[in-house]
PDB file of N, CA and C in Angstrom:
ATOM      1  N   ALA A   1      11.122 167.076 289.981  1.00  0.00           N
ATOM      2  CA  ALA A   1      10.834 168.020 290.630  1.00  0.00           C
ATOM      3  C   ALA A   1      10.443 169.247 289.374  1.00  0.00           C
ATOM      4  N   ALA A   2      10.134 170.147 289.904  1.00  0.00           N
ATOM      5  CA  ALA A   2       9.696 171.066 288.841  1.00  0.00           C
ATOM      6  C   ALA A   2       8.940 172.239 289.718  1.00  0.00           C
ATOM      7  N   VAL A   3       8.999 173.388 288.788  1.00  0.00           N
ATOM      8  CA  VAL A   3       8.701 174.731 289.584  1.00  0.00           C
ATOM      9  C   VAL A   3       7.560 175.356 288.363  1.00  0.00           C
ATOM     10  N   PHE A   4       6.319 175.877 288.856  1.00  0.00           N
ATOM     11  CA  PHE A   4       4.879 176.117 288.118  1.00  0.00           C
ATOM     12  C   PHE A   4       4.955 177.270 288.418  1.00  0.00           C
ATOM     13  N   ILE A   5       4.509 178.554 287.542  1.00  0.00           N
ATOM     14  CA  ILE A   5       3.635 179.561 287.340  1.00  0.00           C
ATOM     15  C   ILE A   5       2.387 179.508 288.342  1.00  0.00           C
ATOM     16  N   ASP A   6       2.042 180.137 289.268  1.00  0.00           N
ATOM     17  CA  ASP A   6       0.584 179.970 289.869  1.00  0.00           C
ATOM     18  C   ASP A   6      -0.057 181.497 289.396  1.00  0.00           C
ATOM     19  N   LEU A   7      -0.495 181.217 288.495  1.00  0.00           N
ATOM     20  CA  LEU A   7      -1.246 182.615 287.934  1.00  0.00           C
ATOM     21  C   LEU A   7      -2.231 182.019 286.991  1.00  0.00           C
ATOM     22  N   GLU A   8      -3.179 182.695 286.932  1.00  0.00           N
ATOM     23  CA  GLU A   8      -4.155 182.235 285.576  1.00  0.00           C
ATOM     24  C   GLU A   8      -3.725 183.032 284.051  1.00  0.00           C
ATOM     25  N   ASP A   9      -4.285 182.094 283.156  1.00  0.00           N
ATOM     26  CA  ASP A   9      -4.117 182.295 281.888  1.00  0.00           C
ATOM     27  C   ASP A   9      -4.954 182.979 281.098  1.00  0.00           C
ATOM     28  N   GLY A  10      -4.408 184.394 280.899  1.00  0.00           N
ATOM     29  CA  GLY A  10      -4.856 185.433 280.083  1.00  0.00           C
ATOM     30  C   GLY A  10      -5.631 184.979 278.770  1.00  0.00           C
ATOM     31  N   ARG A  11      -5.234 184.043 278.162  1.00  0.00           N
ATOM     32  CA  ARG A  11      -5.913 183.408 276.938  1.00  0.00           C
ATOM     33  C   ARG A  11      -7.263 182.879 277.387  1.00  0.00           C
ATOM     34  N   TYR A  12      -7.581 182.478 278.557  1.00  0.00           N
ATOM     35  CA  TYR A  12      -8.922 181.806 278.738  1.00  0.00           C
ATOM     36  C   TYR A  12      -9.771 182.442 279.740  1.00  0.00           C
ATOM     37  N   MET A  13      -9.480 183.573 280.383  1.00  0.00           N
ATOM     38  CA  MET A  13      -9.959 184.056 281.374  1.00  0.00           C
ATOM     39  C   MET A  13     -10.483 185.634 280.768  1.00  0.00           C
ATOM     40  N   LYS A  14     -11.808 185.074 279.887  1.00  0.00           N
ATOM     41  CA  LYS A  14     -12.519 186.332 279.244  1.00  0.00           C
ATOM     42  C   LYS A  14     -12.989 187.781 280.173  1.00  0.00           C
ATOM     43  N   HIS A  15     -13.540 187.020 281.555  1.00  0.00           N
ATOM     44  CA  HIS A  15     -14.086 188.156 282.200  1.00  0.00           C
ATOM     45  C   HIS A  15     -13.017 188.626 283.241  1.00  0.00           C
ATOM     46  N   VAL A  16     -11.895 188.485 283.076  1.00  0.00           N
ATOM     47  CA  VAL A  16     -10.823 189.191 283.996  1.00  0.00           C
ATOM     48  C   VAL A  16     -10.405 190.127 283.417  1.00  0.00           C
ATOM     49  N   ALA A  17     -10.260 191.122 284.082  1.00  0.00           N
ATOM     50  CA  ALA A  17      -9.505 192.608 283.154  1.00  0.00           C
ATOM     51  C   ALA A  17      -8.043 192.512 283.255  1.00  0.00           C
ATOM     52  N   PRO A  18      -7.521 193.229 281.993  1.00  0.00           N
ATOM     53  CA  PRO A  18      -6.157 193.016 281.399  1.00  0.00           C
ATOM     54  C   PRO A  18      -5.432 193.842 282.708  1.00  0.00           C
ATOM     55  N   ASN A  19      -4.038 193.459 283.076  1.00  0.00           N
ATOM     56  CA  ASN A  19      -3.016 193.954 284.052  1.00  0.00           C
ATOM     57  C   ASN A  19      -2.841 195.619 283.350  1.00  0.00           C
ATOM     58  N   LEU A  20      -2.774 196.550 284.051  1.00  0.00           N
ATOM     59  CA  LEU A  20      -2.438 197.839 283.610  1.00  0.00           C
ATOM     60  C   LEU A  20      -0.611 197.859 283.180  1.00  0.00           C
ATOM     61  N   PRO A  21      -0.630 198.570 282.097  1.00  0.00           N
ATOM     62  CA  PRO A  21       0.814 198.589 281.547  1.00  0.00           C
ATOM     63  C   PRO A  21       1.560 199.306 282.746  1.00  0.00           C
ATOM     64  N   GLY A  22       2.912 198.995 282.560  1.00  0.00           N
ATOM     65  CA  GLY A  22       4.060 199.521 283.471  1.00  0.00           C
ATOM     66  C   GLY A  22       3.431 198.878 284.965  1.00  0.00           C
ATOM     67  N   SER A  23       2.662 198.429 285.296  1.00  0.00           N
ATOM     68  CA  SER A  23       2.038 197.818 286.606  1.00  0.00           C
ATOM     69  C   SER A  23       2.839 196.761 287.217  1.00  0.00           C
ATOM     70  N   MET A  24       3.199 196.402 288.601  1.00  0.00           N
ATOM     71  CA  MET A  24       3.469 195.195 289.105  1.00  0.00           C
ATOM     72  C   MET A  24       2.829 194.038 289.019  1.00  0.00           C
ATOM     73  N   LEU A  25       3.344 193.119 288.632  1.00  0.00           N
ATOM     74  CA  LEU A  25       2.474 191.699 288.586  1.00  0.00           C
ATOM     75  C   LEU A  25       2.773 190.430 289.638  1.00  0.00           C
ATOM     76  N   LEU A  26       1.831 190.601 290.732  1.00  0.00           N
ATOM     77  CA  LEU A  26       2.342 189.781 291.682  1.00  0.00           C
ATOM     78  C   LEU A  26       1.730 188.325 291.666  1.00  0.00           C
ATOM     79  N   PHE A  27       2.781 187.182 291.629  1.00  0.00           N
ATOM     80  CA  PHE A  27       2.341 185.704 291.646  1.00  0.00           C
ATOM     81  C   PHE A  27       3.300 184.820 292.243  1.00  0.00           C
ATOM     82  N   ASN A  28       3.168 183.566 292.466  1.00  0.00           N
ATOM     83  CA  ASN A  28       3.589 182.912 293.231  1.00  0.00           C
ATOM     84  C   ASN A  28       4.584 181.970 292.266  1.00  0.00           C
ATOM     85  N   LEU A  29       5.747 181.664 292.248  1.00  0.00           N
ATOM     86  CA  LEU A  29       6.296 180.475 291.666  1.00  0.00           C
ATOM     87  C   LEU A  29       5.838 179.251 292.916  1.00  0.00           C
ATOM     88  N   VAL A  30       5.569 177.686 292.446  1.00  0.00           N
ATOM     89  CA  VAL A  30       5.568 176.783 293.494  1.00  0.00           C
ATOM     90  C   VAL A  30       6.789 175.807 292.882  1.00  0.00           C
ATOM     91  N   GLY A  31       7.488 175.497 293.617  1.00  0.00           N
ATOM     92  CA  GLY A  31       8.279 174.233 293.277  1.00  0.00           C
ATOM     93  C   GLY A  31       7.809 172.876 294.403  1.00  0.00           C
ATOM     94  N   VAL A  32       7.456 171.768 293.358  1.00  0.00           N
ATOM     95  CA  VAL A  32       7.305 170.678 293.966  1.00  0.00           C
ATOM     96  C   VAL A  32       8.436 169.475 293.894  1.00  0.00           C
ATOM     97  N   ASN A  33       8.727 168.820 294.659  1.00  0.00           N
ATOM     98  CA  ASN A  33       9.477 167.696 294.648  1.00  0.00           C
ATOM     99  C   ASN A  33       9.041 166.463 295.291  1.00  0.00           C
ATOM    100  N   ASP A  34       8.848 165.514 294.235  1.00  0.00           N
ATOM    101  CA  ASP A  34       8.329 164.153 294.516  1.00  0.00           C
ATOM    102  C   ASP A  34       9.515 163.100 294.737  1.00  0.00           C
ATOM    103  N   LEU A  35      10.684 163.645 295.194  1.00  0.00           N
ATOM    104  CA  LEU A  35      11.931 162.773 294.963  1.00  0.00           C
ATOM    105  C   LEU A  35      12.747 162.820 296.407  1.00  0.00           C
ATOM    106  N   PRO A  36      13.478 161.623 296.721  1.00  0.00           N
ATOM    107  CA  PRO A  36      13.715 161.574 298.369  1.00  0.00           C
ATOM    108  C   PRO A  36      14.836 162.450 298.635  1.00  0.00           C
ATOM    109  N   ASP A  37      15.205 162.907 297.604  1.00  0.00           N
ATOM    110  CA  ASP A  37      16.428 163.798 297.968  1.00  0.00           C
ATOM    111  C   ASP A  37      16.152 165.654 297.847  1.00  0.00           C
ATOM    112  N   GLU A  38      16.592 166.464 298.133  1.00  0.00           N
ATOM    113  CA  GLU A  38      16.100 167.550 298.493  1.00  0.00           C
ATOM    114  C   GLU A  38      16.349 168.002 296.689  1.00  0.00           C
ATOM    115  N   ALA A  39      15.784 169.215 296.183  1.00  0.00           N
ATOM    116  CA  ALA A  39      15.900 169.250 295.083  1.00  0.00           C
ATOM    117  C   ALA A  39      16.492 170.637 294.519  1.00  0.00           C
ATOM    118  N   ASP A  40      17.425 171.156 293.948  1.00  0.00           N
ATOM    119  CA  ASP A  40      18.223 172.246 293.830  1.00  0.00           C
ATOM    120  C   ASP A  40      18.091 172.617 292.456  1.00  0.00           C
ATOM    121  N   GLY A  41      18.254 173.966 292.125  1.00  0.00           N
ATOM    122  CA  GLY A  41      18.712 174.370 290.751  1.00  0.00           C
ATOM    123  C   GLY A  41      17.981 175.780 290.469  1.00  0.00           C
ATOM    124  N   SER A  42      18.110 176.444 289.162  1.00  0.00           N
ATOM    125  CA  SER A  42      17.963 177.865 288.854  1.00  0.00           C
ATOM    126  C   SER A  42      16.666 177.630 287.837  1.00  0.00           C
ATOM    127  N   VAL A  43      16.056 178.701 288.005  1.00  0.00           N
ATOM    128  CA  VAL A  43      14.648 179.176 287.563  1.00  0.00           C
ATOM    129  C   VAL A  43      14.637 180.328 287.012  1.00  0.00           C
ATOM    130  N   GLY A  44      14.770 180.082 285.742  1.00  0.00           N
ATOM    131  CA  GLY A  44      14.666 181.629 284.612  1.00  0.00           C
ATOM    132  C   GLY A  44      13.312 181.643 284.551  1.00  0.00           C
ATOM    133  N   LEU A  45      13.164 183.207 284.261  1.00  0.00           N
ATOM    134  CA  LEU A  45      11.850 184.129 283.862  1.00  0.00           C
ATOM    135  C   LEU A  45      11.828 184.782 282.840  1.00  0.00           C
ATOM    136  N   LYS A  46      11.240 184.961 281.905  1.00  0.00           N
ATOM    137  CA  LYS A  46      11.418 185.378 280.899  1.00  0.00           C
ATOM    138  C   LYS A  46       9.908 185.895 280.533  1.00  0.00           C
ATOM    139  N   ILE A  47       9.876 187.250 279.822  1.00  0.00           N
ATOM    140  CA  ILE A  47       8.204 187.834 279.299  1.00  0.00           C
ATOM    141  C   ILE A  47       8.835 187.952 277.622  1.00  0.00           C
ATOM    142  N   LEU A  48       8.037 187.387 277.133  1.00  0.00           N
ATOM    143  CA  LEU A  48       8.129 187.634 275.328  1.00  0.00           C
ATOM    144  C   LEU A  48       7.109 188.520 274.878  1.00  0.00           C
ATOM    145  N   ASP A  49       7.267 189.632 273.969  1.00  0.00           N
ATOM    146  CA  ASP A  49       6.297 190.255 273.683  1.00  0.00           C
ATOM    147  C   ASP A  49       5.532 189.594 272.171  1.00  0.00           C
ATOM    148  N   PRO A  50       4.498 190.163 271.831  1.00  0.00           N
ATOM    149  CA  PRO A  50       3.706 189.030 270.605  1.00  0.00           C
ATOM    150  C   PRO A  50       4.860 188.800 269.688  1.00  0.00           C
ATOM    151  N   ASP A  51       6.134 189.266 269.162  1.00  0.00           N
ATOM    152  CA  ASP A  51       6.519 188.692 268.550  1.00  0.00           C
ATOM    153  C   ASP A  51       7.897 188.002 268.995  1.00  0.00           C
ATOM    154  N   GLY A  52       7.961 187.597 269.854  1.00  0.00           N
ATOM    155  CA  GLY A  52       8.951 186.862 270.473  1.00  0.00           C
ATOM    156  C   GLY A  52       9.923 187.357 271.024  1.00  0.00           C
ATOM    157  N   ARG A  53      10.004 188.608 271.038  1.00  0.00           N
ATOM    158  CA  ARG A  53      11.470 189.330 271.651  1.00  0.00           C
ATOM    159  C   ARG A  53      11.533 189.217 273.321  1.00  0.00           C
ATOM    160  N   ILE A  54      12.482 188.923 274.208  1.00  0.00           N
ATOM    161  CA  ILE A  54      12.328 188.849 275.538  1.00  0.00           C
ATOM    162  C   ILE A  54      12.644 190.478 275.829  1.00  0.00           C
ATOM    163  N   VAL A  55      11.490 190.741 276.636  1.00  0.00           N
ATOM    164  CA  VAL A  55      11.054 192.121 277.195  1.00  0.00           C
ATOM    165  C   VAL A  55      11.945 192.111 278.527  1.00  0.00           C
ATOM    166  N   PHE A  56      11.640 190.940 279.149  1.00  0.00           N
ATOM    167  CA  PHE A  56      12.275 190.689 280.701  1.00  0.00           C
ATOM    168  C   PHE A  56      12.949 189.344 281.061  1.00  0.00           C
ATOM    169  N   SER A  57      14.110 189.176 282.063  1.00  0.00           N
ATOM    170  CA  SER A  57      14.622 188.336 282.073  1.00  0.00           C
ATOM    171  C   SER A  57      15.287 187.923 283.175  1.00  0.00           C
ATOM    172  N   LYS A  58      15.037 187.114 283.974  1.00  0.00           N
ATOM    173  CA  LYS A  58      15.966 187.081 285.447  1.00  0.00           C
ATOM    174  C   LYS A  58      16.224 185.656 286.080  1.00  0.00           C
ATOM    175  N   THR A  59      16.974 185.018 286.560  1.00  0.00           N
ATOM    176  CA  THR A  59      17.314 184.030 287.006  1.00  0.00           C
ATOM    177  C   THR A  59      17.800 183.766 288.263  1.00  0.00           C
ATOM    178  N   GLU A  60      17.206 182.425 288.863  1.00  0.00           N
ATOM    179  CA  GLU A  60      17.328 182.900 290.474  1.00  0.00           C
ATOM    180  C   GLU A  60      17.537 181.481 290.715  1.00  0.00           C
ATOM    181  N   THR A  61      17.661 181.014 291.831  1.00  0.00           N
ATOM    182  CA  THR A  61      18.123 179.938 292.449  1.00  0.00           C
ATOM    183  C   THR A  61      17.281 179.232 293.534  1.00  0.00           C
ATOM    184  N   ILE A  62      16.802 178.135 293.554  1.00  0.00           N
ATOM    185  CA  ILE A  62      15.621 177.812 294.254  1.00  0.00           C
ATOM    186  C   ILE A  62      16.156 176.548 294.968  1.00  0.00           C
ATOM    187  N   ARG A  63      15.351 176.334 295.941  1.00  0.00           N
ATOM    188  CA  ARG A  63      15.706 174.899 296.641  1.00  0.00           C
ATOM    189  C   ARG A  63      14.457 174.398 297.133  1.00  0.00           C
ATOM    190  N   ILE A  64      13.904 172.884 296.867  1.00  0.00           N
ATOM    191  CA  ILE A  64      12.878 172.482 297.346  1.00  0.00           C
ATOM    192  C   ILE A  64      13.200 171.407 298.353  1.00  0.00           C
ATOM    193  N   PRO A  65      12.265 171.057 299.354  1.00  0.00           N
ATOM    194  CA  PRO A  65      12.700 170.279 300.211  1.00  0.00           C
ATOM    195  C   PRO A  65      12.036 168.639 299.888  1.00  0.00           C
ATOM    196  N   VAL A  66      12.713 167.783 300.372  1.00  0.00           N
ATOM    197  CA  VAL A  66      12.624 166.165 300.199  1.00  0.00           C
ATOM    198  C   VAL A  66      10.971 166.296 300.282  1.00  0.00           C
ATOM    199  N   PHE A  67      10.228 165.515 299.414  1.00  0.00           N
ATOM    200  CA  PHE A  67       9.008 165.447 299.073  1.00  0.00           C
ATOM    201  C   PHE A  67       8.251 166.554 299.466  1.00  0.00           C
ATOM    202  N   GLY A  68       8.612 167.633 299.226  1.00  0.00           N
ATOM    203  CA  GLY A  68       7.625 168.802 299.833  1.00  0.00           C
ATOM    204  C   GLY A  68       7.599 170.016 298.588  1.00  0.00           C
ATOM    205  N   LYS A  69       7.169 170.833 299.301  1.00  0.00           N
ATOM    206  CA  LYS A  69       6.864 172.008 298.193  1.00  0.00           C
ATOM    207  C   LYS A  69       7.537 173.169 298.609  1.00  0.00           C
ATOM    208  N   THR A  70       7.791 174.273 297.705  1.00  0.00           N
ATOM    209  CA  THR A  70       8.218 175.587 298.341  1.00  0.00           C
ATOM    210  C   THR A  70       7.318 176.642 297.759  1.00  0.00           C
ATOM    211  N   VAL A  71       7.079 177.499 298.246  1.00  0.00           N
ATOM    212  CA  VAL A  71       6.125 178.612 297.550  1.00  0.00           C
ATOM    213  C   VAL A  71       7.219 180.108 297.513  1.00  0.00           C
ATOM    214  N   ILE A  72       7.347 180.764 296.150  1.00  0.00           N
ATOM    215  CA  ILE A  72       8.113 181.857 296.185  1.00  0.00           C
ATOM    216  C   ILE A  72       7.039 182.924 295.891  1.00  0.00           C
ATOM    217  N   PRO A  73       7.074 184.000 296.512  1.00  0.00           N
ATOM    218  CA  PRO A  73       6.406 184.972 296.020  1.00  0.00           C
ATOM    219  C   PRO A  73       7.255 185.933 295.185  1.00  0.00           C
ATOM    220  N   LYS A  74       6.738 186.347 294.276  1.00  0.00           N
ATOM    221  CA  LYS A  74       7.220 186.775 292.840  1.00  0.00           C
ATOM    222  C   LYS A  74       6.801 188.326 292.655  1.00  0.00           C
ATOM    223  N   SER A  75       7.244 189.344 292.034  1.00  0.00           N
ATOM    224  CA  SER A  75       6.564 190.687 291.606  1.00  0.00           C
ATOM    225  C   SER A  75       7.743 191.161 290.674  1.00  0.00           C
ATOM    226  N   LEU A  76       7.185 191.335 289.381  1.00  0.00           N
ATOM    227  CA  LEU A  76       7.913 191.880 288.643  1.00  0.00           C
ATOM    228  C   LEU A  76       6.909 192.880 287.723  1.00  0.00           C
ATOM    229  N   ARG A  77       7.922 194.249 287.237  1.00  0.00           N
ATOM    230  CA  ARG A  77       7.112 195.372 286.463  1.00  0.00           C
ATOM    231  C   ARG A  77       6.667 194.837 284.577  1.00  0.00           C
ATOM    232  N   LEU A  78       5.386 194.880 284.542  1.00  0.00           N
ATOM    233  CA  LEU A  78       5.097 194.641 283.639  1.00  0.00           C
ATOM    234  C   LEU A  78       5.273 195.862 282.369  1.00  0.00           C
ATOM    235  N   PRO A  79       5.418 195.292 280.946  1.00  0.00           N
ATOM    236  CA  PRO A  79       5.975 196.205 280.006  1.00  0.00           C
ATOM    237  C   PRO A  79       4.786 197.435 279.826  1.00  0.00           C
ATOM    238  N   ASP A  80       5.214 198.535 279.605  1.00  0.00           N
ATOM    239  CA  ASP A  80       4.679 199.830 279.300  1.00  0.00           C
ATOM    240  C   ASP A  80       3.422 199.612 278.156  1.00  0.00           C
ATOM    241  N   LYS A  81       3.865 199.034 277.156  1.00  0.00           N
ATOM    242  CA  LYS A  81       3.126 198.753 275.862  1.00  0.00           C
ATOM    243  C   LYS A  81       2.170 197.743 276.203  1.00  0.00           C
ATOM    244  N   SER A  82       0.617 197.998 275.351  1.00  0.00           N
ATOM    245  CA  SER A  82      -0.104 196.978 276.135  1.00  0.00           C
ATOM    246  C   SER A  82      -0.270 195.958 274.383  1.00  0.00           C
ATOM    247  N   GLY A  83      -0.471 194.805 275.068  1.00  0.00           N
ATOM    248  CA  GLY A  83      -0.505 193.977 274.126  1.00  0.00           C
ATOM    249  C   GLY A  83      -0.382 192.568 274.833  1.00  0.00           C
ATOM    250  N   GLY A  84      -0.413 191.184 274.106  1.00  0.00           N
ATOM    251  CA  GLY A  84      -0.294 189.913 274.636  1.00  0.00           C
ATOM    252  C   GLY A  84       1.029 189.872 274.876  1.00  0.00           C
ATOM    253  N   TYR A  85       1.556 189.193 276.160  1.00  0.00           N
ATOM    254  CA  TYR A  85       2.542 188.574 276.467  1.00  0.00           C
ATOM    255  C   TYR A  85       2.650 187.011 277.022  1.00  0.00           C
ATOM    256  N   LEU A  86       4.219 186.908 276.851  1.00  0.00           N
ATOM    257  CA  LEU A  86       4.308 185.193 277.120  1.00  0.00           C
ATOM    258  C   LEU A  86       4.968 185.414 278.317  1.00  0.00           C
ATOM    259  N   LEU A  87       4.726 184.570 279.896  1.00  0.00           N
ATOM    260  CA  LEU A  87       5.453 184.451 280.824  1.00  0.00           C
ATOM    261  C   LEU A  87       5.888 182.969 280.576  1.00  0.00           C
ATOM    262  N   ILE A  88       7.279 182.962 280.954  1.00  0.00           N
ATOM    263  CA  ILE A  88       7.860 181.471 280.946  1.00  0.00           C
ATOM    264  C   ILE A  88       8.805 181.158 282.265  1.00  0.00           C
ATOM    265  N   SER A  89       8.701 180.175 283.033  1.00  0.00           N
ATOM    266  CA  SER A  89       9.385 179.814 283.875  1.00  0.00           C
ATOM    267  C   SER A  89      10.405 178.590 283.445  1.00  0.00           C
ATOM    268  N   GLU A  90      11.747 178.388 283.514  1.00  0.00           N
ATOM    269  CA  GLU A  90      12.372 177.362 283.152  1.00  0.00           C
ATOM    270  C   GLU A  90      13.412 176.568 284.492  1.00  0.00           C
ATOM    271  N   PHE A  91      12.937 175.707 284.740  1.00  0.00           N
ATOM    272  CA  PHE A  91      13.595 175.048 285.998  1.00  0.00           C
ATOM    273  C   PHE A  91      14.546 174.034 285.547  1.00  0.00           C
ATOM    274  N   ARG A  92      15.566 174.367 285.886  1.00  0.00           N
ATOM    275  CA  ARG A  92      16.719 173.262 285.494  1.00  0.00           C
ATOM    276  C   ARG A  92      17.720 172.908 286.804  1.00  0.00           C
ATOM    277  N   SER A  93      18.044 171.742 287.065  1.00  0.00           N
ATOM    278  CA  SER A  93      18.451 171.200 288.200  1.00  0.00           C
ATOM    279  C   SER A  93      20.060 170.613 287.698  1.00  0.00           C
ATOM    280  N   PRO A  94      20.968 170.748 288.556  1.00  0.00           N
ATOM    281  CA  PRO A  94      22.251 170.448 288.216  1.00  0.00           C
ATOM    282  C   PRO A  94      22.489 169.123 288.297  1.00  0.00           C
ATOM    283  N   ALA A  95      21.485 168.599 289.051  1.00  0.00           N
ATOM    284  CA  ALA A  95      21.647 166.996 289.351  1.00  0.00           C
ATOM    285  C   ALA A  95      20.913 166.025 288.032  1.00  0.00           C
ATOM    286  N   ASN A  96      20.611 166.828 287.741  1.00  0.00           N
ATOM    287  CA  ASN A  96      20.105 166.148 286.088  1.00  0.00           C
ATOM    288  C   ASN A  96      20.755 167.054 284.903  1.00  0.00           C
ATOM    289  N   PRO A  97      22.070 167.238 284.788  1.00  0.00           N
ATOM    290  CA  PRO A  97      22.017 168.162 283.861  1.00  0.00           C
ATOM    291  C   PRO A  97      21.944 167.647 282.041  1.00  0.00           C
ATOM    292  N   GLY A  98      21.798 166.802 281.701  1.00  0.00           N
ATOM    293  CA  GLY A  98      21.693 166.150 280.365  1.00  0.00           C
ATOM    294  C   GLY A  98      19.986 166.773 280.039  1.00  0.00           C
ATOM    295  N   SER A  99      19.341 166.569 281.273  1.00  0.00           N
ATOM    296  CA  SER A  99      17.771 166.655 281.252  1.00  0.00           C
ATOM    297  C   SER A  99      17.110 168.301 280.559  1.00  0.00           C
ATOM    298  N   GLU A 100      15.938 168.006 280.042  1.00  0.00           N
ATOM    299  CA  GLU A 100      14.978 169.346 279.309  1.00  0.00           C
ATOM    300  C   GLU A 100      14.986 169.978 280.744  1.00  0.00           C
ATOM    301  N   ALA A 101      14.399 171.463 280.211  1.00  0.00           N
ATOM    302  CA  ALA A 101      14.106 172.220 281.596  1.00  0.00           C
ATOM    303  C   ALA A 101      12.382 171.826 281.437  1.00  0.00           C
ATOM    304  N   VAL A 102      12.308 171.880 282.946  1.00  0.00           N
ATOM    305  CA  VAL A 102      10.584 171.900 282.945  1.00  0.00           C
ATOM    306  C   VAL A 102      10.294 173.189 282.890  1.00  0.00           C
ATOM    307  N   LEU A 103       9.126 173.239 281.964  1.00  0.00           N
ATOM    308  CA  LEU A 103       8.481 174.682 281.432  1.00  0.00           C
ATOM    309  C   LEU A 103       7.315 174.794 282.197  1.00  0.00           C
ATOM    310  N   SER A 104       7.090 176.030 282.309  1.00  0.00           N
ATOM    311  CA  SER A 104       5.468 176.085 282.721  1.00  0.00           C
ATOM    312  C   SER A 104       5.396 178.063 282.106  1.00  0.00           C
ATOM    313  N   ARG A 105       4.273 178.063 281.469  1.00  0.00           N
ATOM    314  CA  ARG A 105       4.194 179.385 280.716  1.00  0.00           C
ATOM    315  C   ARG A 105       2.425 179.450 281.085  1.00  0.00           C
ATOM    316  N   ARG A 106       2.532 181.256 281.165  1.00  0.00           N
ATOM    317  CA  ARG A 106       1.054 181.479 281.344  1.00  0.00           C
ATOM    318  C   ARG A 106       1.045 183.080 280.360  1.00  0.00           C
ATOM    319  N   TYR A 107       0.010 182.998 279.890  1.00  0.00           N
ATOM    320  CA  TYR A 107      -0.474 184.505 278.680  1.00  0.00           C
ATOM    321  C   TYR A 107      -0.918 185.404 279.433  1.00  0.00           C
ATOM    322  N   LEU A 108      -0.397 186.523 279.288  1.00  0.00           N
ATOM    323  CA  LEU A 108      -0.738 187.863 279.938  1.00  0.00           C
ATOM    324  C   LEU A 108      -1.433 188.999 279.449  1.00  0.00           C
ATOM    325  N   LYS A 109      -2.543 189.339 279.454  1.00  0.00           N
ATOM    326  CA  LYS A 109      -3.211 190.671 278.990  1.00  0.00           C
ATOM    327  C   LYS A 109      -2.635 191.847 279.443  1.00  0.00           C
ATOM    328  N   VAL A 110      -2.043 193.015 278.909  1.00  0.00           N
ATOM    329  CA  VAL A 110      -1.835 194.060 279.277  1.00  0.00           C
ATOM    330  C   VAL A 110      -2.333 195.014 278.347  1.00  0.00           C
ATOM    331  N   GLY A 111      -3.063 195.984 279.378  1.00  0.00           N
ATOM    332  CA  GLY A 111      -3.833 196.868 278.627  1.00  0.00           C
ATOM    333  C   GLY A 111      -4.863 196.674 277.627  1.00  0.00           C
ATOM    334  N   GLU A 112      -5.308 197.564 276.983  1.00  0.00           N
ATOM    335  CA  GLU A 112      -6.861 197.550 276.491  1.00  0.00           C
ATOM    336  C   GLU A 112      -6.099 197.274 274.822  1.00  0.00           C
ATOM    337  N   CYS A 113      -6.676 196.243 274.478  1.00  0.00           N
ATOM    338  CA  CYS A 113      -6.420 195.843 272.895  1.00  0.00           C
ATOM    339  C   CYS A 113      -7.709 195.582 272.171  1.00  0.00           C
ATOM    340  N   PRO A 114      -7.832 195.638 270.934  1.00  0.00           N
ATOM    341  CA  PRO A 114      -9.336 195.153 270.436  1.00  0.00           C
ATOM    342  C   PRO A 114      -8.977 193.843 270.325  1.00  0.00           C
ATOM    343  N   GLU A 115      -7.990 193.234 269.975  1.00  0.00           N
ATOM    344  CA  GLU A 115      -7.355 191.562 269.777  1.00  0.00           C
ATOM    345  C   GLU A 115      -5.576 191.270 270.576  1.00  0.00           C
ATOM    346  N   TYR A 116      -6.042 190.286 271.574  1.00  0.00           N
ATOM    347  CA  TYR A 116      -4.695 189.837 272.118  1.00  0.00           C
ATOM    348  C   TYR A 116      -3.814 189.357 270.929  1.00  0.00           C
ATOM    349  N   ARG A 117      -2.644 189.476 270.616  1.00  0.00           N
ATOM    350  CA  ARG A 117      -2.150 188.373 270.031  1.00  0.00           C
ATOM    351  C   ARG A 117      -0.640 187.776 270.834  1.00  0.00           C
ATOM    352  N   PHE A 118      -0.739 186.636 271.075  1.00  0.00           N
ATOM    353  CA  PHE A 118       0.522 186.200 271.705  1.00  0.00           C
ATOM    354  C   PHE A 118       1.452 185.261 270.913  1.00  0.00           C
ATOM    355  N   PHE A 119       2.744 185.614 271.563  1.00  0.00           N
ATOM    356  CA  PHE A 119       3.979 184.559 270.651  1.00  0.00           C
ATOM    357  C   PHE A 119       3.515 183.332 271.087  1.00  0.00           C
ATOM    358  N   GLU A 120       3.304 182.226 270.060  1.00  0.00           N
ATOM    359  CA  GLU A 120       3.371 181.027 270.345  1.00  0.00           C
ATOM    360  C   GLU A 120       4.593 179.901 270.289  1.00  0.00           C
ATOM    361  N   TRP A 121       5.358 179.903 271.539  1.00  0.00           N
ATOM    362  CA  TRP A 121       6.256 179.629 271.476  1.00  0.00           C
ATOM    363  C   TRP A 121       6.107 178.060 271.706  1.00  0.00           C
ATOM    364  N   ILE A 122       7.033 177.408 270.929  1.00  0.00           N
ATOM    365  CA  ILE A 122       7.246 175.724 270.643  1.00  0.00           C
ATOM    366  C   ILE A 122       8.594 175.318 271.268  1.00  0.00           C
ATOM    367  N   PRO A 123       8.952 174.820 272.522  1.00  0.00           N
ATOM    368  CA  PRO A 123      10.082 174.301 272.719  1.00  0.00           C
ATOM    369  C   PRO A 123      10.504 173.291 271.749  1.00  0.00           C
ATOM    370  N   ASP A 124      11.957 172.699 271.976  1.00  0.00           N
ATOM    371  CA  ASP A 124      12.531 172.164 271.210  1.00  0.00           C
ATOM    372  C   ASP A 124      11.947 170.617 271.702  1.00  0.00           C
ATOM    373  N   PRO A 125      11.739 169.942 270.544  1.00  0.00           N
ATOM    374  CA  PRO A 125      11.057 168.586 270.550  1.00  0.00           C
ATOM    375  C   PRO A 125      12.412 167.550 271.788  1.00  0.00           C
ATOM    376  N   LEU A 126      11.189 166.783 272.733  1.00  0.00           N
ATOM    377  CA  LEU A 126      12.178 165.872 273.689  1.00  0.00           C
ATOM    378  C   LEU A 126      12.913 164.919 272.342  1.00  0.00           C
ATOM    379  N   HIS A 127      14.187 164.740 273.155  1.00  0.00           N
ATOM    380  CA  HIS A 127      15.127 163.580 272.350  1.00  0.00           C
ATOM    381  C   HIS A 127      14.791 162.274 272.907  1.00  0.00           C
TER     382      HIS A 127
END
């Protein structure tokens, strides 16, 4: 089971205008489950600024049906300061307490900048 951010990645979409500072970002989280049991857990969302500081954080629970998917519409207010930001989702399931979080990340352009610098977040290596 996993949860993904359904949103274009700003690093590669050169023709897409940046998001307005302080505007609402609308997107979906998509949970998929290829297991014969219902999957539930928590999804943490974070926005990191170019220096890696967390500027937004929220956690909520999710339930994904057997061999199915669920789509969760989300909205969050973007930072007021222009720059490159990293949106991360982390899905954790109590059914697998020792497992690593399933990660999804998207890079967001906010406001007009001559060059966007994004925090390069590197997760801990798998054990």
